[in-house]
Amino acid sequence: HTSNLSHQFEKPPTMVNQSRQVASLLAVALIAQSAQAFVTPASPQAISIPTARDVALFESKEDHESPSTLRSAAARKFFSGLKKTAKFLPVIVASSAFLVASPNKAEASAPVMAMPKADERDPAMDALESHQRKMQQVAQEELRAFSEKARQIEASEGAAARADFEGAYKANQNKKAQEKLDAIEKLKNDLLDQGICPFIDIEGQRQMILIEKGVDLGEVSGTAFNLEKEFEKRNPQQTFRVRKEANRDVIKCMVEDMRNREIDPVDYFKSHQQRTAAILELPAAQATSMVTTYRANLDLYGQITVPKEGEISAKEKMSNQGR
């Protein structure tokens, strides 16, 4: 019975051959699987140019190995495993099943890192920052000269004379600062009287930056302000001034209306910049039509809209006030 049982459970030659074929196929699959982890992806979207630091780090023998070395090492390790006893075949089978079921952990031959974008320099900001640095140097030089002069006065005339000198200097500085603030406010009103918004209009922005920062961006290449200046020379029909003439006239009518009704137009346009932008985006024909209506109402009523029933027009109010 024992011999019969052993003969009964003995594997026929065909099954042994099939097992060997399966093992061979698994070996090939594992080799392919181990090599696939270092195949560069075909899709160009998945490839990024590594930085020099990335390349140096990858080529370091201490932390990383090259793809070819890794492939060779994996192959040698696998083939050496095949020389071992058949009892390790279940481990190989389980490993191959895991590899088939799991997604690939790597799809490139080197660490794939996004190339950092180069900082895009803004010519306008560069010009403003450069000018600011120069102004800081000038201010420091002026302060040193002021301090030296104050020490000389104190040494020759006494502490009281120095205090008078410093007080006069500070008063003069405050006067200059106030004069600049007044000039800024005057420019805002002058621009609005021309229909040029100091906050949105490109010409208004240019003039405001010039008076506040001391830089004329119309002279700085690569800026929209400089492009506008070039259009003025070569193709005036493309300038903002020509294309938005009717739109500026709309703003001009609105400003006149506000002044007649004693509303500060600077405050209004500062707090309603989105509405101003919408006005500047109006098609020329629509803006022209609005100007025609606004101008007629301003002549009749002193305001851009027809007064409601029983409402006193701005023109009548100005007449009653002697304006």
C-alpha atoms as a PDB file:
ATOM      1  CA  HIS A   1       0.000   0.000   0.000  1.00  0.00           C
ATOM      2  CA  THR A   2       2.830   2.401   0.843  1.00  0.00           C
ATOM      3  CA  SER A   3       4.462   1.973  -2.555  1.00  0.00           C
ATOM      4  CA  ASN A   4       1.094   2.351  -4.218  1.00  0.00           C
ATOM      5  CA  LEU A   5       0.416   5.601  -2.335  1.00  0.00           C
ATOM      6  CA  SER A   6       3.821   7.058  -3.174  1.00  0.00           C
ATOM      7  CA  HIS A   7       3.312   6.063  -6.788  1.00  0.00           C
ATOM      8  CA  GLN A   8      -0.171   7.549  -6.710  1.00  0.00           C
ATOM      9  CA  PHE A   9       1.075  10.955  -5.518  1.00  0.00           C
ATOM     10  CA  GLU A  10       4.239  11.037  -7.610  1.00  0.00           C
ATOM     11  CA  LYS A  11       4.093  13.859 -10.169  1.00  0.00           C
ATOM     12  CA  PRO A  12       4.177  12.710 -13.756  1.00  0.00           C
ATOM     13  CA  PRO A  13       6.999  14.033 -15.995  1.00  0.00           C
ATOM     14  CA  THR A  14       4.642  16.350 -17.831  1.00  0.00           C
ATOM     15  CA  MET A  15       3.702  18.139 -14.617  1.00  0.00           C
ATOM     16  CA  VAL A  16       7.378  18.521 -13.656  1.00  0.00           C
ATOM     17  CA  ASN A  17       8.120  20.046 -17.031  1.00  0.00           C
ATOM     18  CA  GLN A  18       5.166  22.396 -16.690  1.00  0.00           C
ATOM     19  CA  SER A  19       6.407  23.504 -13.245  1.00  0.00           C
ATOM     20  CA  ARG A  20       9.819  24.183 -14.697  1.00  0.00           C
ATOM     21  CA  GLN A  21       8.253  26.191 -17.532  1.00  0.00           C
ATOM     22  CA  VAL A  22       6.226  28.196 -15.031  1.00  0.00           C
ATOM     23  CA  ALA A  23       9.341  28.893 -12.983  1.00  0.00           C
ATOM     24  CA  SER A  24      11.179  30.013 -16.134  1.00  0.00           C
ATOM     25  CA  LEU A  25       8.329  32.290 -17.129  1.00  0.00           C
ATOM     26  CA  LEU A  26       8.244  33.750 -13.632  1.00  0.00           C
ATOM     27  CA  ALA A  27      11.983  34.359 -13.818  1.00  0.00           C
ATOM     28  CA  VAL A  28      11.631  36.220 -17.102  1.00  0.00           C
ATOM     29  CA  ALA A  29       8.702  38.210 -15.708  1.00  0.00           C
ATOM     30  CA  LEU A  30      10.690  39.182 -12.625  1.00  0.00           C
ATOM     31  CA  ILE A  31      13.681  40.264 -14.689  1.00  0.00           C
ATOM     32  CA  ALA A  32      11.437  42.344 -16.910  1.00  0.00           C
ATOM     33  CA  GLN A  33       9.671  43.729 -13.862  1.00  0.00           C
ATOM     34  CA  SER A  34      12.935  44.702 -12.165  1.00  0.00           C
ATOM     35  CA  ALA A  35      14.224  46.373 -15.324  1.00  0.00           C
ATOM     36  CA  GLN A  36      10.935  48.159 -16.015  1.00  0.00           C
ATOM     37  CA  ALA A  37      11.406  50.302 -12.922  1.00  0.00           C
ATOM     38  CA  PHE A  38      14.260  52.073 -14.673  1.00  0.00           C
ATOM     39  CA  VAL A  39      12.705  52.636 -18.075  1.00  0.00           C
ATOM     40  CA  THR A  40      12.237  56.299 -18.958  1.00  0.00           C
ATOM     41  CA  PRO A  41       8.527  56.983 -19.528  1.00  0.00           C
ATOM     42  CA  ALA A  42       7.518  57.480 -23.133  1.00  0.00           C
ATOM     43  CA  SER A  43       5.183  60.365 -22.394  1.00  0.00           C
ATOM     44  CA  PRO A  44       7.096  63.672 -22.624  1.00  0.00           C
ATOM     45  CA  GLN A  45       4.714  65.201 -20.078  1.00  0.00           C
ATOM     46  CA  ALA A  46       6.139  62.959 -17.372  1.00  0.00           C
ATOM     47  CA  ILE A  47       9.722  64.042 -18.001  1.00  0.00           C
ATOM     48  CA  SER A  48      11.269  67.062 -16.335  1.00  0.00           C
ATOM     49  CA  ILE A  49      14.758  68.419 -16.768  1.00  0.00           C
ATOM     50  CA  PRO A  50      16.608  67.854 -13.485  1.00  0.00           C
ATOM     51  CA  THR A  51      18.702  70.572 -11.982  1.00  0.00           C
ATOM     52  CA  ALA A  52      22.477  70.340 -11.700  1.00  0.00           C
ATOM     53  CA  ARG A  53      22.054  69.560  -8.011  1.00  0.00           C
ATOM     54  CA  ASP A  54      19.693  66.705  -8.824  1.00  0.00           C
ATOM     55  CA  VAL A  55      22.144  65.219 -11.306  1.00  0.00           C
ATOM     56  CA  ALA A  56      25.061  65.505  -8.888  1.00  0.00           C
ATOM     57  CA  LEU A  57      23.029  63.946  -6.109  1.00  0.00           C
ATOM     58  CA  PHE A  58      21.912  61.060  -8.320  1.00  0.00           C
ATOM     59  CA  GLU A  59      25.456  60.356  -9.552  1.00  0.00           C
ATOM     60  CA  SER A  60      26.790  60.182  -5.981  1.00  0.00           C
ATOM     61  CA  LYS A  61      27.925  56.637  -5.263  1.00  0.00           C
ATOM     62  CA  GLU A  62      27.254  57.093  -1.552  1.00  0.00           C
ATOM     63  CA  ASP A  63      23.501  57.582  -1.833  1.00  0.00           C
ATOM     64  CA  HIS A  64      22.513  56.328  -5.274  1.00  0.00           C
ATOM     65  CA  GLU A  65      23.541  53.951  -8.028  1.00  0.00           C
ATOM     66  CA  SER A  66      23.230  54.485 -11.739  1.00  0.00           C
ATOM     67  CA  PRO A  67      20.303  52.794 -13.558  1.00  0.00           C
ATOM     68  CA  SER A  68      22.579  50.347 -15.375  1.00  0.00           C
ATOM     69  CA  THR A  69      24.234  49.319 -12.121  1.00  0.00           C
ATOM     70  CA  LEU A  70      20.872  48.783 -10.505  1.00  0.00           C
ATOM     71  CA  ARG A  71      19.619  46.706 -13.424  1.00  0.00           C
ATOM     72  CA  SER A  72      22.750  44.536 -13.394  1.00  0.00           C
ATOM     73  CA  ALA A  73      22.629  44.097  -9.643  1.00  0.00           C
ATOM     74  CA  ALA A  74      18.969  43.095  -9.778  1.00  0.00           C
ATOM     75  CA  ALA A  75      19.628  40.558 -12.546  1.00  0.00           C
ATOM     76  CA  ARG A  76      22.626  39.022 -10.764  1.00  0.00           C
ATOM     77  CA  LYS A  77      20.691  38.777  -7.537  1.00  0.00           C
ATOM     78  CA  PHE A  78      17.776  37.095  -9.266  1.00  0.00           C
ATOM     79  CA  PHE A  79      19.850  34.570 -11.217  1.00  0.00           C
ATOM     80  CA  SER A  80      21.804  33.655  -8.119  1.00  0.00           C
ATOM     81  CA  GLY A  81      18.479  32.981  -6.445  1.00  0.00           C
ATOM     82  CA  LEU A  82      17.521  30.544  -9.215  1.00  0.00           C
ATOM     83  CA  LYS A  83      20.507  28.400  -8.341  1.00  0.00           C
ATOM     84  CA  LYS A  84      19.121  27.797  -4.873  1.00  0.00           C
ATOM     85  CA  THR A  85      16.812  24.944  -3.959  1.00  0.00           C
ATOM     86  CA  ALA A  86      13.270  24.737  -5.238  1.00  0.00           C
ATOM     87  CA  LYS A  87      11.910  25.524  -1.808  1.00  0.00           C
ATOM     88  CA  PHE A  88      12.328  29.228  -2.589  1.00  0.00           C
ATOM     89  CA  LEU A  89       9.989  29.033  -5.601  1.00  0.00           C
ATOM     90  CA  PRO A  90       6.874  29.834  -3.495  1.00  0.00           C
ATOM     91  CA  VAL A  91       8.620  33.023  -2.330  1.00  0.00           C
ATOM     92  CA  ILE A  92       9.377  33.958  -5.935  1.00  0.00           C
ATOM     93  CA  VAL A  93       5.800  33.240  -6.952  1.00  0.00           C
ATOM     94  CA  ALA A  94       4.457  35.360  -4.098  1.00  0.00           C
ATOM     95  CA  SER A  95       6.869  38.175  -4.990  1.00  0.00           C
ATOM     96  CA  SER A  96       5.844  38.112  -8.631  1.00  0.00           C
ATOM     97  CA  ALA A  97       2.174  38.213  -7.662  1.00  0.00           C
ATOM     98  CA  PHE A  98       2.862  41.225  -5.462  1.00  0.00           C
ATOM     99  CA  LEU A  99       4.708  43.019  -8.244  1.00  0.00           C
ATOM    100  CA  VAL A 100       1.893  42.365 -10.690  1.00  0.00           C
ATOM    101  CA  ALA A 101      -0.729  43.613  -8.240  1.00  0.00           C
ATOM    102  CA  SER A 102       1.214  46.687  -7.115  1.00  0.00           C
ATOM    103  CA  PRO A 103       1.777  49.836  -9.176  1.00  0.00           C
ATOM    104  CA  ASN A 104       5.288  50.687 -10.270  1.00  0.00           C
ATOM    105  CA  LYS A 105       7.126  52.774  -7.717  1.00  0.00           C
ATOM    106  CA  ALA A 106       9.401  54.390 -10.260  1.00  0.00           C
ATOM    107  CA  GLU A 107       8.956  55.328 -13.875  1.00  0.00           C
ATOM    108  CA  ALA A 108      12.190  57.133 -14.623  1.00  0.00           C
ATOM    109  CA  SER A 109      15.911  56.460 -14.642  1.00  0.00           C
ATOM    110  CA  ALA A 110      16.681  59.437 -12.408  1.00  0.00           C
ATOM    111  CA  PRO A 111      14.923  61.504  -9.743  1.00  0.00           C
ATOM    112  CA  VAL A 112      12.296  63.489 -11.658  1.00  0.00           C
ATOM    113  CA  MET A 113      11.968  66.966 -10.250  1.00  0.00           C
ATOM    114  CA  ALA A 114      10.297  69.989 -11.771  1.00  0.00           C
ATOM    115  CA  MET A 115      12.690  72.558 -13.113  1.00  0.00           C
ATOM    116  CA  PRO A 116      12.293  75.696 -10.999  1.00  0.00           C
ATOM    117  CA  LYS A 117      11.031  78.587 -13.045  1.00  0.00           C
ATOM    118  CA  ALA A 118      13.343  81.513 -13.463  1.00  0.00           C
ATOM    119  CA  ASP A 119      12.118  84.651 -11.809  1.00  0.00           C
ATOM    120  CA  GLU A 120      10.417  86.852 -14.364  1.00  0.00           C
ATOM    121  CA  ARG A 121      11.798  90.323 -13.866  1.00  0.00           C
ATOM    122  CA  ASP A 122       9.376  93.215 -14.113  1.00  0.00           C
ATOM    123  CA  PRO A 123      11.119  96.188 -15.774  1.00  0.00           C
ATOM    124  CA  ALA A 124       8.828  98.620 -13.962  1.00  0.00           C
ATOM    125  CA  MET A 125       9.579  97.133 -10.535  1.00  0.00           C
ATOM    126  CA  ASP A 126      13.276  96.971 -11.332  1.00  0.00           C
ATOM    127  CA  ALA A 127      13.307 100.655 -12.243  1.00  0.00           C
ATOM    128  CA  LEU A 128      11.361 101.645  -9.123  1.00  0.00           C
ATOM    129  CA  GLU A 129      13.569  99.560  -6.817  1.00  0.00           C
ATOM    130  CA  SER A 130      16.745 100.924  -8.401  1.00  0.00           C
ATOM    131  CA  HIS A 131      15.519 104.500  -7.991  1.00  0.00           C
ATOM    132  CA  GLN A 132      14.516 103.833  -4.395  1.00  0.00           C
ATOM    133  CA  ARG A 133      18.001 102.572  -3.575  1.00  0.00           C
ATOM    134  CA  LYS A 134      19.501 105.717  -5.073  1.00  0.00           C
ATOM    135  CA  MET A 135      17.125 107.912  -3.102  1.00  0.00           C
ATOM    136  CA  GLN A 136      18.023 106.088   0.100  1.00  0.00           C
ATOM    137  CA  GLN A 137      21.686 106.752  -0.547  1.00  0.00           C
ATOM    138  CA  VAL A 138      20.936 110.418  -1.191  1.00  0.00           C
ATOM    139  CA  ALA A 139      18.910 110.626   2.030  1.00  0.00           C
ATOM    140  CA  GLN A 140      21.712 109.000   4.015  1.00  0.00           C
ATOM    141  CA  GLU A 141      24.241 111.432   2.592  1.00  0.00           C
ATOM    142  CA  GLU A 142      21.953 114.335   3.398  1.00  0.00           C
ATOM    143  CA  LEU A 143      21.467 113.079   6.954  1.00  0.00           C
ATOM    144  CA  ARG A 144      25.210 112.724   7.471  1.00  0.00           C
ATOM    145  CA  ALA A 145      25.769 116.242   6.167  1.00  0.00           C
ATOM    146  CA  PHE A 146      22.999 117.539   8.441  1.00  0.00           C
ATOM    147  CA  SER A 147      24.471 115.807  11.505  1.00  0.00           C
ATOM    148  CA  GLU A 148      27.956 117.098  10.732  1.00  0.00           C
ATOM    149  CA  LYS A 149      26.635 120.637  10.294  1.00  0.00           C
ATOM    150  CA  ALA A 150      24.725 120.401  13.580  1.00  0.00           C
ATOM    151  CA  ARG A 151      27.882 119.307  15.436  1.00  0.00           C
ATOM    152  CA  GLN A 152      29.859 122.168  13.925  1.00  0.00           C
ATOM    153  CA  ILE A 153      27.208 124.687  14.970  1.00  0.00           C
ATOM    154  CA  GLU A 154      27.132 123.310  18.500  1.00  0.00           C
ATOM    155  CA  ALA A 155      30.914 123.403  18.732  1.00  0.00           C
ATOM    156  CA  SER A 156      31.136 127.018  17.580  1.00  0.00           C
ATOM    157  CA  GLU A 157      27.848 128.542  18.783  1.00  0.00           C
ATOM    158  CA  GLY A 158      26.540 126.283  21.512  1.00  0.00           C
ATOM    159  CA  ALA A 159      23.718 123.799  22.096  1.00  0.00           C
ATOM    160  CA  ALA A 160      20.952 126.374  21.713  1.00  0.00           C
ATOM    161  CA  ALA A 161      22.148 127.314  18.238  1.00  0.00           C
ATOM    162  CA  ARG A 162      22.199 123.647  17.301  1.00  0.00           C
ATOM    163  CA  ALA A 163      18.630 123.179  18.521  1.00  0.00           C
ATOM    164  CA  ASP A 164      17.514 126.151  16.402  1.00  0.00           C
ATOM    165  CA  PHE A 165      19.282 124.704  13.372  1.00  0.00           C
ATOM    166  CA  GLU A 166      17.699 121.289  13.844  1.00  0.00           C
ATOM    167  CA  GLY A 167      14.255 122.805  14.383  1.00  0.00           C
ATOM    168  CA  ALA A 168      14.509 124.852  11.180  1.00  0.00           C
ATOM    169  CA  TYR A 169      15.678 121.800   9.260  1.00  0.00           C
ATOM    170  CA  LYS A 170      12.771 119.662  10.449  1.00  0.00           C
ATOM    171  CA  ALA A 171      10.281 122.436   9.715  1.00  0.00           C
ATOM    172  CA  ASN A 172      11.650 122.689   6.179  1.00  0.00           C
ATOM    173  CA  GLN A 173      11.404 118.929   5.726  1.00  0.00           C
ATOM    174  CA  ASN A 174       7.777 118.952   6.886  1.00  0.00           C
ATOM    175  CA  LYS A 175       7.034 121.815   4.514  1.00  0.00           C
ATOM    176  CA  LYS A 176       8.457 119.875   1.578  1.00  0.00           C
ATOM    177  CA  ALA A 177       6.454 116.808   2.506  1.00  0.00           C
ATOM    178  CA  GLN A 178       3.218 118.793   2.695  1.00  0.00           C
ATOM    179  CA  GLU A 179       3.925 120.515  -0.601  1.00  0.00           C
ATOM    180  CA  LYS A 180       4.368 117.128  -2.229  1.00  0.00           C
ATOM    181  CA  LEU A 181       1.078 115.866  -0.778  1.00  0.00           C
ATOM    182  CA  ASP A 182      -0.683 118.988  -2.062  1.00  0.00           C
ATOM    183  CA  ALA A 183       0.879 118.516  -5.498  1.00  0.00           C
ATOM    184  CA  ILE A 184      -0.310 114.906  -5.571  1.00  0.00           C
ATOM    185  CA  GLU A 185      -3.877 115.871  -4.722  1.00  0.00           C
ATOM    186  CA  LYS A 186      -3.833 118.664  -7.297  1.00  0.00           C
ATOM    187  CA  LEU A 187      -2.602 116.275  -9.972  1.00  0.00           C
ATOM    188  CA  LYS A 188      -5.403 113.817  -9.186  1.00  0.00           C
ATOM    189  CA  ASN A 189      -8.004 116.532  -9.651  1.00  0.00           C
ATOM    190  CA  ASP A 190      -6.357 117.898 -12.797  1.00  0.00           C
ATOM    191  CA  LEU A 191      -6.287 114.433 -14.344  1.00  0.00           C
ATOM    192  CA  LEU A 192      -9.942 113.782 -13.534  1.00  0.00           C
ATOM    193  CA  ASP A 193     -10.928 117.109 -15.083  1.00  0.00           C
ATOM    194  CA  GLN A 194      -9.398 115.736 -18.297  1.00  0.00           C
ATOM    195  CA  GLY A 195     -11.283 112.472 -17.939  1.00  0.00           C
ATOM    196  CA  ILE A 196      -8.108 110.612 -16.934  1.00  0.00           C
ATOM    197  CA  CYS A 197      -8.549 108.405 -13.893  1.00  0.00           C
ATOM    198  CA  PRO A 198      -5.397 108.575 -11.744  1.00  0.00           C
ATOM    199  CA  PHE A 199      -6.039 105.051 -10.450  1.00  0.00           C
ATOM    200  CA  ILE A 200      -6.978 103.071 -13.578  1.00  0.00           C
ATOM    201  CA  ASP A 201      -6.059 104.991 -16.712  1.00  0.00           C
ATOM    202  CA  ILE A 202      -2.561 104.124 -17.951  1.00  0.00           C
ATOM    203  CA  GLU A 203      -1.645 107.798 -18.370  1.00  0.00           C
ATOM    204  CA  GLY A 204      -3.019 108.596 -14.944  1.00  0.00           C
ATOM    205  CA  GLN A 205      -0.939 105.818 -13.413  1.00  0.00           C
ATOM    206  CA  ARG A 206       2.190 106.986 -15.214  1.00  0.00           C
ATOM    207  CA  GLN A 207       1.851 110.541 -13.952  1.00  0.00           C
ATOM    208  CA  MET A 208       0.992 109.440 -10.412  1.00  0.00           C
ATOM    209  CA  ILE A 209       4.037 107.136 -10.253  1.00  0.00           C
ATOM    210  CA  LEU A 210       6.201 109.959 -11.565  1.00  0.00           C
ATOM    211  CA  ILE A 211       5.114 112.448  -8.922  1.00  0.00           C
ATOM    212  CA  GLU A 212       5.034 109.959  -6.045  1.00  0.00           C
ATOM    213  CA  LYS A 213       8.093 107.815  -6.847  1.00  0.00           C
ATOM    214  CA  GLY A 214      10.122 110.076  -9.102  1.00  0.00           C
ATOM    215  CA  VAL A 215      10.294 107.574 -11.990  1.00  0.00           C
ATOM    216  CA  ASP A 216       8.791 108.078 -15.444  1.00  0.00           C
ATOM    217  CA  LEU A 217       7.933 104.544 -16.522  1.00  0.00           C
ATOM    218  CA  GLY A 218       7.246 105.878 -19.999  1.00  0.00           C
ATOM    219  CA  GLU A 219      11.029 105.963 -20.361  1.00  0.00           C
ATOM    220  CA  VAL A 220      11.537 102.383 -19.158  1.00  0.00           C
ATOM    221  CA  SER A 221      11.703  99.823 -21.969  1.00  0.00           C
ATOM    222  CA  GLY A 222       9.551  96.737 -21.625  1.00  0.00           C
ATOM    223  CA  THR A 223       6.703  98.477 -19.805  1.00  0.00           C
ATOM    224  CA  ALA A 224       3.180  99.210 -21.031  1.00  0.00           C
ATOM    225  CA  PHE A 225       3.868 102.888 -20.381  1.00  0.00           C
ATOM    226  CA  ASN A 226       6.842 102.840 -22.739  1.00  0.00           C
ATOM    227  CA  LEU A 227       4.793 101.000 -25.361  1.00  0.00           C
ATOM    228  CA  GLU A 228       2.169 103.732 -25.170  1.00  0.00           C
ATOM    229  CA  LYS A 229       4.897 106.298 -25.748  1.00  0.00           C
ATOM    230  CA  GLU A 230       6.181 104.378 -28.773  1.00  0.00           C
ATOM    231  CA  PHE A 231       2.660 104.254 -30.192  1.00  0.00           C
ATOM    232  CA  GLU A 232       2.478 108.030 -29.856  1.00  0.00           C
ATOM    233  CA  LYS A 233       5.524 108.285 -32.104  1.00  0.00           C
ATOM    234  CA  ARG A 234       4.788 105.587 -34.664  1.00  0.00           C
ATOM    235  CA  ASN A 235       1.073 104.843 -34.691  1.00  0.00           C
ATOM    236  CA  PRO A 236      -1.042 107.296 -32.669  1.00  0.00           C
ATOM    237  CA  GLN A 237      -4.274 105.512 -33.619  1.00  0.00           C
ATOM    238  CA  GLN A 238      -3.198 102.595 -31.434  1.00  0.00           C
ATOM    239  CA  THR A 239      -2.648 104.702 -28.333  1.00  0.00           C
ATOM    240  CA  PHE A 240      -4.915 104.497 -25.321  1.00  0.00           C
ATOM    241  CA  ARG A 241      -5.473 108.234 -25.710  1.00  0.00           C
ATOM    242  CA  VAL A 242      -7.064 107.827 -29.155  1.00  0.00           C
ATOM    243  CA  ARG A 243      -8.826 104.496 -28.609  1.00  0.00           C
ATOM    244  CA  LYS A 244     -10.387 105.598 -25.309  1.00  0.00           C
ATOM    245  CA  GLU A 245     -11.124 109.227 -26.133  1.00  0.00           C
ATOM    246  CA  ALA A 246     -14.907 108.796 -25.811  1.00  0.00           C
ATOM    247  CA  ASN A 247     -14.489 106.746 -22.629  1.00  0.00           C
ATOM    248  CA  ARG A 248     -12.451 109.519 -21.070  1.00  0.00           C
ATOM    249  CA  ASP A 249     -15.142 111.988 -22.084  1.00  0.00           C
ATOM    250  CA  VAL A 250     -17.659 109.907 -20.115  1.00  0.00           C
ATOM    251  CA  ILE A 251     -15.478 110.246 -17.032  1.00  0.00           C
ATOM    252  CA  LYS A 252     -15.038 113.943 -17.687  1.00  0.00           C
ATOM    253  CA  CYS A 253     -18.826 114.410 -17.713  1.00  0.00           C
ATOM    254  CA  MET A 254     -19.156 112.423 -14.500  1.00  0.00           C
ATOM    255  CA  VAL A 255     -16.525 114.598 -12.816  1.00  0.00           C
ATOM    256  CA  GLU A 256     -18.314 117.772 -13.853  1.00  0.00           C
ATOM    257  CA  ASP A 257     -21.558 116.359 -12.496  1.00  0.00           C
ATOM    258  CA  MET A 258     -19.918 115.566  -9.144  1.00  0.00           C
ATOM    259  CA  ARG A 259     -18.319 118.965  -8.803  1.00  0.00           C
ATOM    260  CA  ASN A 260     -21.676 120.623  -9.522  1.00  0.00           C
ATOM    261  CA  ARG A 261     -23.237 118.522  -6.770  1.00  0.00           C
ATOM    262  CA  GLU A 262     -20.284 119.116  -4.410  1.00  0.00           C
ATOM    263  CA  ILE A 263     -19.136 115.513  -4.423  1.00  0.00           C
ATOM    264  CA  ASP A 264     -15.398 114.845  -4.256  1.00  0.00           C
ATOM    265  CA  PRO A 265     -14.557 113.033  -7.529  1.00  0.00           C
ATOM    266  CA  VAL A 266     -11.177 111.856  -6.214  1.00  0.00           C
ATOM    267  CA  ASP A 267     -12.811 109.960  -3.362  1.00  0.00           C
ATOM    268  CA  TYR A 268     -15.447 108.557  -5.703  1.00  0.00           C
ATOM    269  CA  PHE A 269     -13.054 107.222  -8.340  1.00  0.00           C
ATOM    270  CA  LYS A 270     -10.686 105.904  -5.700  1.00  0.00           C
ATOM    271  CA  SER A 271     -13.447 103.763  -4.176  1.00  0.00           C
ATOM    272  CA  HIS A 272     -15.131 102.803  -7.477  1.00  0.00           C
ATOM    273  CA  GLN A 273     -12.219 101.548  -9.548  1.00  0.00           C
ATOM    274  CA  GLN A 274     -14.115  98.529 -10.889  1.00  0.00           C
ATOM    275  CA  ARG A 275     -16.831 100.805 -12.252  1.00  0.00           C
ATOM    276  CA  THR A 276     -14.182 103.010 -13.796  1.00  0.00           C
ATOM    277  CA  ALA A 277     -12.572 100.003 -15.434  1.00  0.00           C
ATOM    278  CA  ALA A 278     -15.968  99.001 -16.841  1.00  0.00           C
ATOM    279  CA  ILE A 279     -16.405 102.492 -18.300  1.00  0.00           C
ATOM    280  CA  LEU A 280     -13.003 102.302 -19.971  1.00  0.00           C
ATOM    281  CA  GLU A 281     -13.942  98.934 -21.468  1.00  0.00           C
ATOM    282  CA  LEU A 282     -17.097 100.249 -23.143  1.00  0.00           C
ATOM    283  CA  PRO A 283     -17.134 100.084 -26.959  1.00  0.00           C
ATOM    284  CA  ALA A 284     -16.370 103.452 -28.521  1.00  0.00           C
ATOM    285  CA  ALA A 285     -19.856 103.781 -30.064  1.00  0.00           C
ATOM    286  CA  GLN A 286     -21.587 103.181 -26.745  1.00  0.00           C
ATOM    287  CA  ALA A 287     -19.292 105.586 -24.928  1.00  0.00           C
ATOM    288  CA  THR A 288     -19.915 108.244 -27.587  1.00  0.00           C
ATOM    289  CA  SER A 289     -23.673 107.846 -27.189  1.00  0.00           C
ATOM    290  CA  MET A 290     -23.378 108.237 -23.418  1.00  0.00           C
ATOM    291  CA  VAL A 291     -21.295 111.388 -23.816  1.00  0.00           C
ATOM    292  CA  THR A 292     -23.941 112.925 -26.080  1.00  0.00           C
ATOM    293  CA  THR A 293     -26.657 112.265 -23.495  1.00  0.00           C
ATOM    294  CA  TYR A 294     -24.546 113.365 -20.532  1.00  0.00           C
ATOM    295  CA  ARG A 295     -23.444 116.572 -22.218  1.00  0.00           C
ATOM    296  CA  ALA A 296     -26.998 117.544 -23.129  1.00  0.00           C
ATOM    297  CA  ASN A 297     -28.188 116.940 -19.550  1.00  0.00           C
ATOM    298  CA  LEU A 298     -25.239 118.875 -18.118  1.00  0.00           C
ATOM    299  CA  ASP A 299     -26.122 121.877 -20.273  1.00  0.00           C
ATOM    300  CA  LEU A 300     -29.780 121.727 -19.248  1.00  0.00           C
ATOM    301  CA  TYR A 301     -29.628 120.561 -15.645  1.00  0.00           C
ATOM    302  CA  GLY A 302     -26.009 120.756 -14.537  1.00  0.00           C
ATOM    303  CA  GLN A 303     -25.998 116.979 -14.027  1.00  0.00           C
ATOM    304  CA  ILE A 304     -25.725 113.911 -16.238  1.00  0.00           C
ATOM    305  CA  THR A 305     -29.232 112.609 -15.476  1.00  0.00           C
ATOM    306  CA  VAL A 306     -32.628 114.197 -15.857  1.00  0.00           C
ATOM    307  CA  PRO A 307     -33.907 115.362 -12.432  1.00  0.00           C
ATOM    308  CA  LYS A 308     -36.740 113.340 -10.969  1.00  0.00           C
ATOM    309  CA  GLU A 309     -40.164 114.907 -10.618  1.00  0.00           C
ATOM    310  CA  GLY A 310     -40.026 117.534  -7.887  1.00  0.00           C
ATOM    311  CA  GLU A 311     -36.224 117.356  -7.649  1.00  0.00           C
ATOM    312  CA  ILE A 312     -34.198 120.541  -7.865  1.00  0.00           C
ATOM    313  CA  SER A 313     -31.511 120.219 -10.495  1.00  0.00           C
ATOM    314  CA  ALA A 314     -27.850 120.817  -9.752  1.00  0.00           C
ATOM    315  CA  LYS A 315     -27.950 123.822 -12.072  1.00  0.00           C
ATOM    316  CA  GLU A 316     -30.719 125.452 -10.015  1.00  0.00           C
ATOM    317  CA  LYS A 317     -28.916 124.735  -6.773  1.00  0.00           C
ATOM    318  CA  MET A 318     -25.740 126.338  -8.079  1.00  0.00           C
ATOM    319  CA  SER A 319     -27.726 129.363  -9.198  1.00  0.00           C
ATOM    320  CA  ASN A 320     -29.341 129.684  -5.777  1.00  0.00           C
ATOM    321  CA  GLN A 321     -25.886 129.430  -4.148  1.00  0.00           C
ATOM    322  CA  GLY A 322     -24.433 132.042  -6.462  1.00  0.00           C
ATOM    323  CA  ARG A 323     -22.083 129.583  -8.091  1.00  0.00           C
END
